[in-house]
Every structure is written in C-alpha cells, then in structure tokens.
Amino acid sequence: MSNNDDLDDLLDELDSQGDLETSQQMLSIRTESRRYDKPVTIVEGFDLELDEIKSIASDLKSSMGTGGTVDDGRIELQGDHRDRVPDLLRDRGFDVRE
C-alpha cells in the first residue's frame, strides 16, 4: 500500500506543477478581419497539448455561443470577443496580455 501512496503523492505534485505552468503562460488576444470584413478573435501563446487547447476552445465557444477552430496551436473564434475572452481565460488560471 505504501507504493500506492507514493504514486498518489507524485501525481498530486505533477498536477500542482501543471497549474503553475498554466499561470506562467502569457496569452495574447487580438482580432483580424477575414473574408467580407468579418472579425475573428485569435488567442495564442499556449504551451499545451493540442487536446487541451481544443478543450479550452470548446469551453470558450460554448460560453460565448460562437463558432471557432484551433489552428496551428491557436484558438480562432468567430466575431470580436476581446471584451469577454480575457476574463474567461483568467478564470482558468492563464495570464492574459491584451
């Protein structure tokens, strides 16, 4: 049973380091105009696995009721969401540069 406790301690330590890494990531948010002058909000600067970025993108899209995608390690959301995205990302523990 001692081995299992050691493993649990190690997993807890790794998890706490993951949270620290999240807060150390500096994300930037900007908008670009795309086809027909439609705005797209771009969030970049992630140092995460692609699956984690996709999960964050999914949460953001649901929260704002908009479409979007993950492209080249960055999240692209349809529309100008610079007013709401920083707070949502800070709630998840990220450091955001606007």
Protein backbone atom coordinates (compact mmCIF):
# COMPACT_ATOMS: atom_id res chain seq x y z
CA MET A 1 0.00 0.00 0.00
CA SER A 2 2.93 2.32 0.55
CA ASN A 3 3.69 2.25 -3.18
CA ASN A 4 0.19 3.45 -3.97
CA ASP A 5 0.56 6.37 -1.54
CA ASP A 6 3.86 7.33 -3.16
CA LEU A 7 2.23 7.24 -6.58
CA ASP A 8 -0.67 9.41 -5.38
CA ASP A 9 1.79 11.92 -3.92
CA LEU A 10 3.71 12.02 -7.20
CA LEU A 11 0.53 12.53 -9.23
CA ASP A 12 -0.57 15.34 -6.91
CA GLU A 13 2.82 17.00 -7.28
CA LEU A 14 2.70 16.75 -11.08
CA ASP A 15 -0.83 18.18 -11.10
CA SER A 16 0.19 21.16 -8.96
CA GLN A 17 3.09 21.84 -11.34
CA GLY A 18 0.66 21.79 -14.26
CA ASP A 19 -1.37 24.56 -12.61
CA LEU A 20 1.78 26.61 -12.15
CA GLU A 21 2.67 26.21 -15.80
CA THR A 22 -0.78 27.45 -16.80
CA SER A 23 -0.35 30.67 -14.83
CA GLN A 24 3.10 31.21 -16.36
CA GLN A 25 1.79 31.09 -19.92
CA MET A 26 1.37 34.56 -21.39
CA LEU A 27 -1.53 34.53 -23.82
CA SER A 28 -2.23 37.29 -26.30
CA ILE A 29 -5.61 38.16 -27.75
CA ARG A 30 -6.13 40.09 -30.96
CA THR A 31 -8.62 40.38 -33.78
CA GLU A 32 -8.20 40.10 -37.51
CA SER A 33 -10.59 40.86 -40.32
CA ARG A 34 -11.28 37.94 -42.56
CA ARG A 35 -13.41 37.44 -45.62
CA TYR A 36 -16.16 40.08 -46.01
CA ASP A 37 -14.58 42.10 -43.14
CA LYS A 38 -15.80 39.57 -40.57
CA PRO A 39 -13.81 39.86 -37.32
CA VAL A 40 -12.02 36.84 -35.85
CA THR A 41 -10.66 36.81 -32.29
CA ILE A 42 -7.32 35.00 -32.05
CA VAL A 43 -5.89 33.64 -28.79
CA GLU A 44 -2.29 32.50 -29.00
CA GLY A 45 0.67 31.69 -26.78
CA PHE A 46 -0.44 28.30 -25.45
CA ASP A 47 2.22 25.84 -24.35
CA LEU A 48 -0.19 22.91 -24.01
CA GLU A 49 -1.04 19.66 -25.74
CA LEU A 50 -3.36 20.07 -28.73
CA ASP A 51 -6.16 18.18 -26.93
CA GLU A 52 -6.03 20.68 -24.04
CA ILE A 53 -6.16 23.64 -26.42
CA LYS A 54 -9.15 22.06 -28.18
CA SER A 55 -10.88 21.61 -24.82
CA ILE A 56 -10.32 25.27 -23.93
CA ALA A 57 -11.58 26.32 -27.38
CA SER A 58 -14.71 24.23 -26.89
CA ASP A 59 -15.36 25.85 -23.50
CA LEU A 60 -14.87 29.34 -24.93
CA LYS A 61 -17.17 28.65 -27.89
CA SER A 62 -19.88 27.31 -25.56
CA SER A 63 -19.54 30.24 -23.15
CA MET A 64 -19.92 32.80 -25.91
CA GLY A 65 -22.24 30.95 -28.25
CA THR A 66 -19.96 31.32 -31.24
CA GLY A 67 -18.10 29.17 -33.70
CA GLY A 68 -14.38 28.74 -33.96
CA THR A 69 -11.47 26.42 -34.50
CA VAL A 70 -7.98 25.52 -33.34
CA ASP A 71 -5.37 26.22 -35.99
CA ASP A 72 -1.60 25.92 -35.58
CA GLY A 73 -1.82 25.88 -31.77
CA ARG A 74 -4.00 28.96 -31.51
CA ILE A 75 -7.73 29.41 -30.94
CA GLU A 76 -9.73 31.34 -33.54
CA LEU A 77 -13.23 32.47 -32.56
CA GLN A 78 -15.76 33.97 -34.95
CA GLY A 79 -16.53 37.58 -34.02
CA ASP A 80 -14.88 40.22 -31.85
CA HIS A 81 -14.73 38.82 -28.30
CA ARG A 82 -11.81 40.81 -26.89
CA ASP A 83 -14.10 42.07 -24.11
CA ARG A 84 -15.05 38.63 -22.72
CA VAL A 85 -12.25 36.20 -23.60
CA PRO A 86 -9.59 37.63 -21.21
CA ASP A 87 -11.82 37.16 -18.15
CA LEU A 88 -12.77 33.63 -19.19
CA LEU A 89 -9.11 32.68 -19.64
CA ARG A 90 -8.08 34.32 -16.35
CA ASP A 91 -10.79 32.26 -14.63
CA ARG A 92 -8.97 29.19 -15.96
CA GLY A 93 -5.69 30.43 -14.46
CA PHE A 94 -4.00 31.93 -17.52
CA ASP A 95 -2.10 35.22 -17.63
CA VAL A 96 -3.53 37.31 -20.46
CA ARG A 97 -1.91 40.22 -22.27
CA GLU A 98 -4.47 42.36 -24.06
